Amino acid sequence: MYKIIGTSEPNILSITDYLIGDMSDINYEFLLLDKPIILLSNDWLDVNFPNLGCRMKLICQLPEVVDSMSKCDNYNQERKKYLNEAFKVSDNSNSDVALDAILSISNIDNPIISLHHVNNMIYKSNLMPLKASAEKLGIAVLENAILDTPNVINVAAHFACLLHPKVAKNFCVHLDHGLKGVGTANVEISKRDYIKHNFFPSVNLHLTAGNMGQARTEMLLGPLKHRAIIGGYPKATSIINGATMRNREIICNTFDLDMSLPIITYASAGEGSSEKPGGSLSKDVLRALKTFEREHNFNVIIKLKYPYYFQRKLLSNIKNRFKNIVLS
């Protein structure tokens, strides 16, 4: 079966047998499952992205690559190496470890935690595991609450959620919603953003997942690099806990997939652009994957970041095309 699914929830990743990626952080997240990764790799990715898996230049090479990887997995040592670089914690205790770091550094008595995700699916998938960890300790957790009280800990996966004056005056935590691994973003764009916002002085703590993310966050923070610490990656808890036969059955039933067939998930960072020079998403790639599903015994999932991804893209392009037009 061939399915296009717009979601940032980790349960799709958890049941995937083979991942096709490009420059997305999802490649590093998939290391938690120790399963084969295939990189749809252009010239930029060849130079900037590590060998987490077998590279192919053209999507039409997929049948040969899958056949080869099914017979011999030559990348397990590379996966282990980068797993240790990406994650301080590689088991399902990530969320508990992250929360413990936040509570320890904030040193606030009787804290109330406000998770600021503004109903963004990507931010929610990173933040919500903290809610379960906090509730185990009897800590009150609110969502998107702007509180003017000194015992609140504001946690967000994007800086914009921490800029409200009432939020910024209390303890603020930025939780990296991406692993910031080698080759996952255009670093120059990030540098300009940090400098533009004066290195986000109201953010008291930047929580990273491992050595790679820590090094890059320290570089971006410049004079405030001491505010970054390695903790945990809450989303990792969801990814690991979702790798069960029961979850696989639920996902297959929900999306009408064949339980008896292996699952290949294509999860791209997006279309190639100056911001995403290693992006591979295109109509040609999607057509080729549909052909692969039709001619081989696999479920193929196209994992997009959001529902209605292409509709949103079209509307954004229309908006940009007409934004400078003034009607009189």
C-alpha atoms as a PDB file:
ATOM      1  CA  MET A   1       0.000   0.000   0.000  1.00  0.00           C
ATOM      2  CA  TYR A   2       1.070   3.594  -0.748  1.00  0.00           C
ATOM      3  CA  LYS A   3       0.043   6.300   1.712  1.00  0.00           C
ATOM      4  CA  ILE A   4       0.837  10.006   2.024  1.00  0.00           C
ATOM      5  CA  ILE A   5       0.509  10.961   5.689  1.00  0.00           C
ATOM      6  CA  GLY A   6       0.959  14.465   7.055  1.00  0.00           C
ATOM      7  CA  THR A   7       2.000  14.150  10.688  1.00  0.00           C
ATOM      8  CA  SER A   8       4.915  14.854  13.024  1.00  0.00           C
ATOM      9  CA  GLU A   9       3.824  12.197  15.503  1.00  0.00           C
ATOM     10  CA  PRO A  10       6.617   9.666  16.078  1.00  0.00           C
ATOM     11  CA  ASN A  11       4.408   6.556  15.899  1.00  0.00           C
ATOM     12  CA  ILE A  12       4.919   6.276  12.116  1.00  0.00           C
ATOM     13  CA  LEU A  13       8.676   6.345  12.558  1.00  0.00           C
ATOM     14  CA  SER A  14       8.474   3.726  15.314  1.00  0.00           C
ATOM     15  CA  ILE A  15       7.038   1.053  13.020  1.00  0.00           C
ATOM     16  CA  THR A  16       9.207   1.835   9.990  1.00  0.00           C
ATOM     17  CA  ASP A  17      11.515  -0.938   8.735  1.00  0.00           C
ATOM     18  CA  TYR A  18      13.510   1.138   6.222  1.00  0.00           C
ATOM     19  CA  LEU A  19      13.831   4.922   6.303  1.00  0.00           C
ATOM     20  CA  ILE A  20      14.513   6.978   3.177  1.00  0.00           C
ATOM     21  CA  GLY A  21      15.804  10.380   4.264  1.00  0.00           C
ATOM     22  CA  ASP A  22      17.834  13.361   3.142  1.00  0.00           C
ATOM     23  CA  MET A  23      18.984  16.211   5.438  1.00  0.00           C
ATOM     24  CA  SER A  24      16.192  15.842   7.972  1.00  0.00           C
ATOM     25  CA  ASP A  25      16.758  15.390  11.718  1.00  0.00           C
ATOM     26  CA  ILE A  26      14.553  12.332  11.398  1.00  0.00           C
ATOM     27  CA  ASN A  27      17.593  10.352  10.237  1.00  0.00           C
ATOM     28  CA  TYR A  28      19.191  10.886  13.635  1.00  0.00           C
ATOM     29  CA  GLU A  29      15.934  10.099  15.451  1.00  0.00           C
ATOM     30  CA  PHE A  30      15.711   6.819  13.535  1.00  0.00           C
ATOM     31  CA  LEU A  31      19.079   5.777  14.973  1.00  0.00           C
ATOM     32  CA  LEU A  32      17.221   5.000  18.212  1.00  0.00           C
ATOM     33  CA  LEU A  33      15.645   2.002  16.456  1.00  0.00           C
ATOM     34  CA  ASP A  34      18.868   0.670  14.866  1.00  0.00           C
ATOM     35  CA  LYS A  35      17.242  -0.038  11.507  1.00  0.00           C
ATOM     36  CA  PRO A  36      18.487   0.599   7.942  1.00  0.00           C
ATOM     37  CA  ILE A  37      18.655   4.158   6.611  1.00  0.00           C
ATOM     38  CA  ILE A  38      18.789   5.035   2.921  1.00  0.00           C
ATOM     39  CA  LEU A  39      19.964   8.532   1.998  1.00  0.00           C
ATOM     40  CA  LEU A  40      18.541  10.117  -1.146  1.00  0.00           C
ATOM     41  CA  SER A  41      21.718  12.127  -1.511  1.00  0.00           C
ATOM     42  CA  ASN A  42      22.511  15.088  -3.759  1.00  0.00           C
ATOM     43  CA  ASP A  43      25.940  16.751  -4.081  1.00  0.00           C
ATOM     44  CA  TRP A  44      25.385  18.932  -0.997  1.00  0.00           C
ATOM     45  CA  LEU A  45      24.394  15.952   1.130  1.00  0.00           C
ATOM     46  CA  ASP A  46      27.392  13.972  -0.108  1.00  0.00           C
ATOM     47  CA  VAL A  47      29.693  16.645   1.331  1.00  0.00           C
ATOM     48  CA  ASN A  48      27.794  17.661   4.462  1.00  0.00           C
ATOM     49  CA  PHE A  49      25.947  14.612   5.789  1.00  0.00           C
ATOM     50  CA  PRO A  50      27.566  11.584   7.479  1.00  0.00           C
ATOM     51  CA  ASN A  51      27.248   7.999   6.290  1.00  0.00           C
ATOM     52  CA  LEU A  52      24.307   6.901   8.407  1.00  0.00           C
ATOM     53  CA  GLY A  53      23.231   4.563   5.635  1.00  0.00           C
ATOM     54  CA  CYS A  54      23.496   3.622   1.997  1.00  0.00           C
ATOM     55  CA  ARG A  55      23.419   6.579  -0.413  1.00  0.00           C
ATOM     56  CA  MET A  56      21.601   6.670  -3.709  1.00  0.00           C
ATOM     57  CA  LYS A  57      21.595   9.550  -6.153  1.00  0.00           C
ATOM     58  CA  LEU A  58      18.393   8.562  -7.932  1.00  0.00           C
ATOM     59  CA  ILE A  59      15.184   7.185  -6.468  1.00  0.00           C
ATOM     60  CA  CYS A  60      15.054   4.626  -9.299  1.00  0.00           C
ATOM     61  CA  GLN A  61      17.984   2.866  -7.577  1.00  0.00           C
ATOM     62  CA  LEU A  62      15.754   1.950  -4.617  1.00  0.00           C
ATOM     63  CA  PRO A  63      15.005  -1.696  -5.565  1.00  0.00           C
ATOM     64  CA  GLU A  64      18.701  -2.550  -5.839  1.00  0.00           C
ATOM     65  CA  VAL A  65      19.563  -0.684  -2.635  1.00  0.00           C
ATOM     66  CA  VAL A  66      16.814  -2.362  -0.598  1.00  0.00           C
ATOM     67  CA  ASP A  67      17.764  -5.771  -1.944  1.00  0.00           C
ATOM     68  CA  SER A  68      21.410  -5.197  -1.021  1.00  0.00           C
ATOM     69  CA  MET A  69      20.613  -3.910   2.488  1.00  0.00           C
ATOM     70  CA  SER A  70      18.245  -6.796   3.195  1.00  0.00           C
ATOM     71  CA  LYS A  71      21.130  -9.218   2.558  1.00  0.00           C
ATOM     72  CA  CYS A  72      23.867  -7.351   4.414  1.00  0.00           C
ATOM     73  CA  ASP A  73      23.688  -4.389   6.806  1.00  0.00           C
ATOM     74  CA  ASN A  74      27.048  -2.630   6.479  1.00  0.00           C
ATOM     75  CA  TYR A  75      26.166   0.484   8.453  1.00  0.00           C
ATOM     76  CA  ASN A  76      25.388  -0.738  11.963  1.00  0.00           C
ATOM     77  CA  GLN A  77      28.712   0.534  13.333  1.00  0.00           C
ATOM     78  CA  GLU A  78      28.178   3.973  11.775  1.00  0.00           C
ATOM     79  CA  ARG A  79      24.680   4.109  13.242  1.00  0.00           C
ATOM     80  CA  LYS A  80      26.021   3.244  16.683  1.00  0.00           C
ATOM     81  CA  LYS A  81      28.729   5.908  16.395  1.00  0.00           C
ATOM     82  CA  TYR A  82      26.311   8.696  15.524  1.00  0.00           C
ATOM     83  CA  LEU A  83      23.696   7.482  17.992  1.00  0.00           C
ATOM     84  CA  ASN A  84      26.230   8.088  20.751  1.00  0.00           C
ATOM     85  CA  GLU A  85      27.010  11.524  19.335  1.00  0.00           C
ATOM     86  CA  ALA A  86      23.358  12.543  18.918  1.00  0.00           C
ATOM     87  CA  PHE A  87      21.983  11.278  22.219  1.00  0.00           C
ATOM     88  CA  LYS A  88      23.242  11.376  25.776  1.00  0.00           C
ATOM     89  CA  VAL A  89      20.416   8.968  26.608  1.00  0.00           C
ATOM     90  CA  SER A  90      19.374   6.347  24.054  1.00  0.00           C
ATOM     91  CA  ASP A  91      16.626   4.561  25.994  1.00  0.00           C
ATOM     92  CA  ASN A  92      13.065   5.506  26.857  1.00  0.00           C
ATOM     93  CA  SER A  93      14.068   7.486  29.970  1.00  0.00           C
ATOM     94  CA  ASN A  94      14.816  10.560  27.818  1.00  0.00           C
ATOM     95  CA  SER A  95      11.765  12.505  28.920  1.00  0.00           C
ATOM     96  CA  ASP A  96      12.423  11.857  32.616  1.00  0.00           C
ATOM     97  CA  VAL A  97      16.077  12.881  32.223  1.00  0.00           C
ATOM     98  CA  ALA A  98      15.112  16.089  30.410  1.00  0.00           C
ATOM     99  CA  LEU A  99      12.606  17.031  33.088  1.00  0.00           C
ATOM    100  CA  ASP A 100      15.114  16.304  35.851  1.00  0.00           C
ATOM    101  CA  ALA A 101      17.628  18.644  34.201  1.00  0.00           C
ATOM    102  CA  ILE A 102      15.018  21.403  33.906  1.00  0.00           C
ATOM    103  CA  LEU A 103      13.959  21.087  37.547  1.00  0.00           C
ATOM    104  CA  SER A 104      17.545  20.932  38.778  1.00  0.00           C
ATOM    105  CA  ILE A 105      18.756  24.014  36.889  1.00  0.00           C
ATOM    106  CA  SER A 106      15.640  26.104  37.584  1.00  0.00           C
ATOM    107  CA  ASN A 107      15.727  25.258  41.314  1.00  0.00           C
ATOM    108  CA  ILE A 108      12.142  26.479  41.743  1.00  0.00           C
ATOM    109  CA  ASP A 109      10.028  25.257  44.640  1.00  0.00           C
ATOM    110  CA  ASN A 110       6.564  23.882  43.842  1.00  0.00           C
ATOM    111  CA  PRO A 111       6.903  24.585  40.124  1.00  0.00           C
ATOM    112  CA  ILE A 112       4.129  24.838  37.589  1.00  0.00           C
ATOM    113  CA  ILE A 113       5.199  23.846  34.084  1.00  0.00           C
ATOM    114  CA  SER A 114       3.694  25.560  31.057  1.00  0.00           C
ATOM    115  CA  LEU A 115       4.372  23.845  27.738  1.00  0.00           C
ATOM    116  CA  HIS A 116       4.197  26.387  24.918  1.00  0.00           C
ATOM    117  CA  HIS A 117       3.488  24.542  21.661  1.00  0.00           C
ATOM    118  CA  VAL A 118       0.792  26.872  20.240  1.00  0.00           C
ATOM    119  CA  ASN A 119      -0.883  23.733  18.858  1.00  0.00           C
ATOM    120  CA  ASN A 120       1.937  23.210  16.383  1.00  0.00           C
ATOM    121  CA  MET A 121       2.171  19.458  15.754  1.00  0.00           C
ATOM    122  CA  ILE A 122       5.969  19.408  15.559  1.00  0.00           C
ATOM    123  CA  TYR A 123       6.403  21.308  18.809  1.00  0.00           C
ATOM    124  CA  LYS A 124       3.773  19.180  20.546  1.00  0.00           C
ATOM    125  CA  SER A 125       5.497  15.937  19.589  1.00  0.00           C
ATOM    126  CA  ASN A 126       8.647  17.208  21.309  1.00  0.00           C
ATOM    127  CA  LEU A 127       7.022  18.715  24.392  1.00  0.00           C
ATOM    128  CA  MET A 128       4.138  16.461  25.374  1.00  0.00           C
ATOM    129  CA  PRO A 129       6.266  13.558  26.683  1.00  0.00           C
ATOM    130  CA  LEU A 130       7.368  15.976  29.420  1.00  0.00           C
ATOM    131  CA  LYS A 131       3.774  16.146  30.605  1.00  0.00           C
ATOM    132  CA  ALA A 132       3.684  12.449  31.429  1.00  0.00           C
ATOM    133  CA  SER A 133       7.033  12.688  33.222  1.00  0.00           C
ATOM    134  CA  ALA A 134       5.891  15.680  35.281  1.00  0.00           C
ATOM    135  CA  GLU A 135       2.574  14.103  36.207  1.00  0.00           C
ATOM    136  CA  LYS A 136       4.431  11.070  37.596  1.00  0.00           C
ATOM    137  CA  LEU A 137       6.033  13.494  40.070  1.00  0.00           C
ATOM    138  CA  GLY A 138       2.769  15.253  40.874  1.00  0.00           C
ATOM    139  CA  ILE A 139       3.858  18.461  39.114  1.00  0.00           C
ATOM    140  CA  ALA A 140       1.126  20.600  37.590  1.00  0.00           C
ATOM    141  CA  VAL A 141       1.422  20.944  33.806  1.00  0.00           C
ATOM    142  CA  LEU A 142      -0.467  23.470  31.701  1.00  0.00           C
ATOM    143  CA  GLU A 143      -0.420  24.024  27.963  1.00  0.00           C
ATOM    144  CA  ASN A 144       0.112  27.434  26.364  1.00  0.00           C
ATOM    145  CA  ALA A 145      -0.625  29.160  29.664  1.00  0.00           C
ATOM    146  CA  ILE A 146       0.806  32.656  30.103  1.00  0.00           C
ATOM    147  CA  LEU A 147       1.226  33.011  33.853  1.00  0.00           C
ATOM    148  CA  ASP A 148       2.537  35.955  35.830  1.00  0.00           C
ATOM    149  CA  THR A 149       3.869  33.933  38.733  1.00  0.00           C
ATOM    150  CA  PRO A 150       7.484  33.353  39.813  1.00  0.00           C
ATOM    151  CA  ASN A 151       7.137  29.579  40.200  1.00  0.00           C
ATOM    152  CA  VAL A 152       6.257  28.899  36.567  1.00  0.00           C
ATOM    153  CA  ILE A 153       8.711  27.143  34.265  1.00  0.00           C
ATOM    154  CA  ASN A 154       7.982  27.970  30.630  1.00  0.00           C
ATOM    155  CA  VAL A 155       9.162  25.311  28.188  1.00  0.00           C
ATOM    156  CA  ALA A 156       9.015  25.716  24.413  1.00  0.00           C
ATOM    157  CA  ALA A 157      10.425  24.016  21.344  1.00  0.00           C
ATOM    158  CA  HIS A 158      10.662  27.300  19.458  1.00  0.00           C
ATOM    159  CA  PHE A 159      12.002  30.658  20.621  1.00  0.00           C
ATOM    160  CA  ALA A 160       8.996  32.584  19.325  1.00  0.00           C
ATOM    161  CA  CYS A 161       6.830  30.949  21.991  1.00  0.00           C
ATOM    162  CA  LEU A 162       9.013  32.444  24.724  1.00  0.00           C
ATOM    163  CA  LEU A 163       9.009  36.089  23.603  1.00  0.00           C
ATOM    164  CA  HIS A 164       5.739  37.206  25.239  1.00  0.00           C
ATOM    165  CA  PRO A 165       6.690  39.725  27.994  1.00  0.00           C
ATOM    166  CA  LYS A 166       4.928  37.791  30.769  1.00  0.00           C
ATOM    167  CA  VAL A 167       6.557  34.560  29.634  1.00  0.00           C
ATOM    168  CA  ALA A 168      10.008  36.089  29.204  1.00  0.00           C
ATOM    169  CA  LYS A 169      10.103  37.552  32.731  1.00  0.00           C
ATOM    170  CA  ASN A 170       9.982  34.090  34.346  1.00  0.00           C
ATOM    171  CA  PHE A 171      12.158  31.005  33.939  1.00  0.00           C
ATOM    172  CA  CYS A 172      12.278  29.965  30.271  1.00  0.00           C
ATOM    173  CA  VAL A 173      13.590  26.763  28.733  1.00  0.00           C
ATOM    174  CA  HIS A 174      14.237  26.216  25.048  1.00  0.00           C
ATOM    175  CA  LEU A 175      14.055  22.531  24.223  1.00  0.00           C
ATOM    176  CA  ASP A 176      15.794  21.762  20.945  1.00  0.00           C
ATOM    177  CA  HIS A 177      13.020  20.377  18.744  1.00  0.00           C
ATOM    178  CA  GLY A 178      15.630  19.072  16.334  1.00  0.00           C
ATOM    179  CA  LEU A 179      18.806  17.177  17.102  1.00  0.00           C
ATOM    180  CA  LYS A 180      20.976  19.698  15.240  1.00  0.00           C
ATOM    181  CA  GLY A 181      23.087  16.903  13.886  1.00  0.00           C
ATOM    182  CA  VAL A 182      25.747  17.332  11.231  1.00  0.00           C
ATOM    183  CA  GLY A 183      24.258  18.419   7.910  1.00  0.00           C
ATOM    184  CA  THR A 184      20.660  18.936   9.063  1.00  0.00           C
ATOM    185  CA  ALA A 185      20.375  22.673   8.391  1.00  0.00           C
ATOM    186  CA  ASN A 186      21.893  25.733   6.811  1.00  0.00           C
ATOM    187  CA  VAL A 187      23.923  26.973   9.803  1.00  0.00           C
ATOM    188  CA  GLU A 188      24.406  30.484   8.398  1.00  0.00           C
ATOM    189  CA  ILE A 189      20.647  31.121   8.539  1.00  0.00           C
ATOM    190  CA  SER A 190      20.557  30.009  12.180  1.00  0.00           C
ATOM    191  CA  LYS A 191      23.517  32.258  13.030  1.00  0.00           C
ATOM    192  CA  ARG A 192      21.733  35.300  11.643  1.00  0.00           C
ATOM    193  CA  ASP A 193      18.596  34.466  13.625  1.00  0.00           C
ATOM    194  CA  TYR A 194      20.467  34.167  16.936  1.00  0.00           C
ATOM    195  CA  ILE A 195      22.361  37.422  16.335  1.00  0.00           C
ATOM    196  CA  LYS A 196      19.172  39.222  15.289  1.00  0.00           C
ATOM    197  CA  HIS A 197      17.566  38.302  18.641  1.00  0.00           C
ATOM    198  CA  ASN A 198      20.686  39.132  20.663  1.00  0.00           C
ATOM    199  CA  PHE A 199      21.154  35.430  21.499  1.00  0.00           C
ATOM    200  CA  PHE A 200      17.746  35.257  23.233  1.00  0.00           C
ATOM    201  CA  PRO A 201      18.753  36.740  26.605  1.00  0.00           C
ATOM    202  CA  SER A 202      15.432  35.894  28.291  1.00  0.00           C
ATOM    203  CA  VAL A 203      15.953  32.142  27.747  1.00  0.00           C
ATOM    204  CA  ASN A 204      17.535  30.789  30.916  1.00  0.00           C
ATOM    205  CA  LEU A 205      18.223  27.259  29.730  1.00  0.00           C
ATOM    206  CA  HIS A 206      18.823  25.602  26.356  1.00  0.00           C
ATOM    207  CA  LEU A 207      18.417  21.842  26.586  1.00  0.00           C
ATOM    208  CA  THR A 208      20.193  19.742  23.965  1.00  0.00           C
ATOM    209  CA  ALA A 209      20.112  15.993  23.366  1.00  0.00           C
ATOM    210  CA  GLY A 210      23.769  15.106  22.905  1.00  0.00           C
ATOM    211  CA  ASN A 211      27.269  16.181  21.941  1.00  0.00           C
ATOM    212  CA  MET A 212      26.413  17.225  18.379  1.00  0.00           C
ATOM    213  CA  GLY A 213      23.488  19.403  19.351  1.00  0.00           C
ATOM    214  CA  GLN A 214      25.392  20.860  22.294  1.00  0.00           C
ATOM    215  CA  ALA A 215      28.347  21.903  20.151  1.00  0.00           C
ATOM    216  CA  ARG A 216      26.142  23.623  17.603  1.00  0.00           C
ATOM    217  CA  THR A 217      23.943  25.345  20.203  1.00  0.00           C
ATOM    218  CA  GLU A 218      27.014  26.652  22.042  1.00  0.00           C
ATOM    219  CA  MET A 219      28.356  28.010  18.759  1.00  0.00           C
ATOM    220  CA  LEU A 220      25.063  29.741  17.982  1.00  0.00           C
ATOM    221  CA  LEU A 221      24.670  31.183  21.489  1.00  0.00           C
ATOM    222  CA  GLY A 222      28.111  32.796  21.477  1.00  0.00           C
ATOM    223  CA  PRO A 223      28.417  34.840  24.699  1.00  0.00           C
ATOM    224  CA  LEU A 224      25.503  32.957  26.296  1.00  0.00           C
ATOM    225  CA  LYS A 225      26.761  29.465  25.482  1.00  0.00           C
ATOM    226  CA  HIS A 226      27.003  28.643  29.198  1.00  0.00           C
ATOM    227  CA  ARG A 227      23.193  28.461  29.249  1.00  0.00           C
ATOM    228  CA  ALA A 228      23.192  25.297  27.121  1.00  0.00           C
ATOM    229  CA  ILE A 229      23.408  21.863  28.738  1.00  0.00           C
ATOM    230  CA  ILE A 230      23.069  18.303  27.499  1.00  0.00           C
ATOM    231  CA  GLY A 231      19.956  16.681  28.920  1.00  0.00           C
ATOM    232  CA  GLY A 232      17.482  14.420  27.164  1.00  0.00           C
ATOM    233  CA  TYR A 233      15.322  14.414  24.047  1.00  0.00           C
ATOM    234  CA  PRO A 234      11.730  13.826  25.196  1.00  0.00           C
ATOM    235  CA  LYS A 235      10.521  12.758  21.756  1.00  0.00           C
ATOM    236  CA  ALA A 236      12.946   9.822  21.948  1.00  0.00           C
ATOM    237  CA  THR A 237      10.776   8.324  24.680  1.00  0.00           C
ATOM    238  CA  SER A 238       7.789   8.284  22.317  1.00  0.00           C
ATOM    239  CA  ILE A 239       9.812   6.838  19.434  1.00  0.00           C
ATOM    240  CA  ILE A 240      11.146   3.947  21.494  1.00  0.00           C
ATOM    241  CA  ASN A 241       7.873   3.232  23.289  1.00  0.00           C
ATOM    242  CA  GLY A 242       6.027   3.174  19.960  1.00  0.00           C
ATOM    243  CA  ALA A 243       8.137   0.353  18.516  1.00  0.00           C
ATOM    244  CA  THR A 244       5.677  -2.400  19.427  1.00  0.00           C
ATOM    245  CA  MET A 245       3.610  -4.876  17.446  1.00  0.00           C
ATOM    246  CA  ARG A 246       0.473  -3.375  18.970  1.00  0.00           C
ATOM    247  CA  ASN A 247       1.345   0.084  17.646  1.00  0.00           C
ATOM    248  CA  ARG A 248       2.217  -1.418  14.265  1.00  0.00           C
ATOM    249  CA  GLU A 249      -1.175  -3.096  14.150  1.00  0.00           C
ATOM    250  CA  ILE A 250      -2.949   0.149  15.061  1.00  0.00           C
ATOM    251  CA  ILE A 251      -1.101   2.174  12.415  1.00  0.00           C
ATOM    252  CA  CYS A 252      -1.615  -0.461   9.715  1.00  0.00           C
ATOM    253  CA  ASN A 253      -5.329  -0.680  10.474  1.00  0.00           C
ATOM    254  CA  THR A 254      -5.708   3.096  10.602  1.00  0.00           C
ATOM    255  CA  PHE A 255      -4.059   3.673   7.223  1.00  0.00           C
ATOM    256  CA  ASP A 256      -5.091   0.433   5.520  1.00  0.00           C
ATOM    257  CA  LEU A 257      -1.552  -0.962   5.303  1.00  0.00           C
ATOM    258  CA  ASP A 258      -0.724  -4.640   4.890  1.00  0.00           C
ATOM    259  CA  MET A 259       0.561  -5.980   8.225  1.00  0.00           C
ATOM    260  CA  SER A 260       2.415  -8.802   6.475  1.00  0.00           C
ATOM    261  CA  LEU A 261       4.609  -6.464   4.388  1.00  0.00           C
ATOM    262  CA  PRO A 262       7.646  -4.420   5.458  1.00  0.00           C
ATOM    263  CA  ILE A 263       7.254  -0.648   5.723  1.00  0.00           C
ATOM    264  CA  ILE A 264       9.426   1.890   3.914  1.00  0.00           C
ATOM    265  CA  THR A 265       8.959   5.483   5.055  1.00  0.00           C
ATOM    266  CA  TYR A 266      10.180   8.426   3.001  1.00  0.00           C
ATOM    267  CA  ALA A 267      10.655  11.406   5.324  1.00  0.00           C
ATOM    268  CA  SER A 268      12.186  14.401   3.583  1.00  0.00           C
ATOM    269  CA  ALA A 269      13.253  17.760   5.001  1.00  0.00           C
ATOM    270  CA  GLY A 270      11.315  19.288   2.104  1.00  0.00           C
ATOM    271  CA  GLU A 271      12.023  20.591  -1.368  1.00  0.00           C
ATOM    272  CA  GLY A 272      15.562  21.643  -2.167  1.00  0.00           C
ATOM    273  CA  SER A 273      16.189  25.341  -1.458  1.00  0.00           C
ATOM    274  CA  SER A 274      18.823  27.710  -0.049  1.00  0.00           C
ATOM    275  CA  GLU A 275      17.491  26.925   3.416  1.00  0.00           C
ATOM    276  CA  LYS A 276      17.324  23.179   2.719  1.00  0.00           C
ATOM    277  CA  PRO A 277      20.058  22.444   0.174  1.00  0.00           C
ATOM    278  CA  GLY A 278      19.817  18.730   0.882  1.00  0.00           C
ATOM    279  CA  GLY A 279      16.032  18.538   0.502  1.00  0.00           C
ATOM    280  CA  SER A 280      14.819  15.908  -1.963  1.00  0.00           C
ATOM    281  CA  LEU A 281      11.025  16.160  -1.994  1.00  0.00           C
ATOM    282  CA  SER A 282       9.604  16.383  -5.516  1.00  0.00           C
ATOM    283  CA  LYS A 283       6.735  15.041  -7.581  1.00  0.00           C
ATOM    284  CA  ASP A 284       9.170  12.847  -9.500  1.00  0.00           C
ATOM    285  CA  VAL A 285      10.322  11.177  -6.278  1.00  0.00           C
ATOM    286  CA  LEU A 286       6.735  10.601  -5.161  1.00  0.00           C
ATOM    287  CA  ARG A 287       5.806   9.090  -8.531  1.00  0.00           C
ATOM    288  CA  ALA A 288       8.813   6.778  -8.393  1.00  0.00           C
ATOM    289  CA  LEU A 289       7.908   5.613  -4.877  1.00  0.00           C
ATOM    290  CA  LYS A 290       4.364   4.902  -6.003  1.00  0.00           C
ATOM    291  CA  THR A 291       5.762   2.791  -8.827  1.00  0.00           C
ATOM    292  CA  PHE A 292       8.034   0.970  -6.396  1.00  0.00           C
ATOM    293  CA  GLU A 293       5.077   0.116  -4.164  1.00  0.00           C
ATOM    294  CA  ARG A 294       3.114  -1.175  -7.125  1.00  0.00           C
ATOM    295  CA  GLU A 295       5.932  -3.412  -8.381  1.00  0.00           C
ATOM    296  CA  HIS A 296       7.339  -4.696  -5.063  1.00  0.00           C
ATOM    297  CA  ASN A 297       5.929  -6.185  -1.885  1.00  0.00           C
ATOM    298  CA  PHE A 298       6.241  -3.192   0.435  1.00  0.00           C
ATOM    299  CA  ASN A 299       4.093  -0.675   2.223  1.00  0.00           C
ATOM    300  CA  VAL A 300       5.345   2.795   1.263  1.00  0.00           C
ATOM    301  CA  ILE A 301       4.595   5.758   3.527  1.00  0.00           C
ATOM    302  CA  ILE A 302       5.296   9.339   2.481  1.00  0.00           C
ATOM    303  CA  LYS A 303       5.691  11.146   5.801  1.00  0.00           C
ATOM    304  CA  LEU A 304       5.129  14.876   5.472  1.00  0.00           C
ATOM    305  CA  LYS A 305       5.498  17.304   8.376  1.00  0.00           C
ATOM    306  CA  TYR A 306       1.942  18.626   8.305  1.00  0.00           C
ATOM    307  CA  PRO A 307      -1.529  17.597   7.109  1.00  0.00           C
ATOM    308  CA  TYR A 308      -2.382  19.203   3.771  1.00  0.00           C
ATOM    309  CA  TYR A 309       1.320  19.902   3.169  1.00  0.00           C
ATOM    310  CA  PHE A 310       0.990  20.518  -0.550  1.00  0.00           C
ATOM    311  CA  GLN A 311      -2.115  22.694  -0.155  1.00  0.00           C
ATOM    312  CA  ARG A 312      -0.260  24.808   2.407  1.00  0.00           C
ATOM    313  CA  LYS A 313       2.697  25.058   0.066  1.00  0.00           C
ATOM    314  CA  LEU A 314       0.479  26.213  -2.792  1.00  0.00           C
ATOM    315  CA  LEU A 315      -1.203  28.851  -0.637  1.00  0.00           C
ATOM    316  CA  SER A 316       2.168  30.070   0.608  1.00  0.00           C
ATOM    317  CA  ASN A 317       3.461  30.404  -2.947  1.00  0.00           C
ATOM    318  CA  ILE A 318       0.356  32.350  -3.985  1.00  0.00           C
ATOM    319  CA  LYS A 319       0.708  34.626  -0.956  1.00  0.00           C
ATOM    320  CA  ASN A 320       4.376  35.322  -1.708  1.00  0.00           C
ATOM    321  CA  ARG A 321       3.619  35.998  -5.363  1.00  0.00           C
ATOM    322  CA  PHE A 322       1.039  38.644  -4.561  1.00  0.00           C
ATOM    323  CA  LYS A 323       2.404  40.116  -1.317  1.00  0.00           C
ATOM    324  CA  ASN A 324       3.874  43.190  -3.032  1.00  0.00           C
ATOM    325  CA  ILE A 325       0.732  43.977  -4.995  1.00  0.00           C
ATOM    326  CA  VAL A 326      -1.207  46.951  -3.639  1.00  0.00           C
ATOM    327  CA  LEU A 327      -4.834  47.238  -4.652  1.00  0.00           C
ATOM    328  CA  SER A 328      -6.238  50.755  -4.919  1.00  0.00           C
END
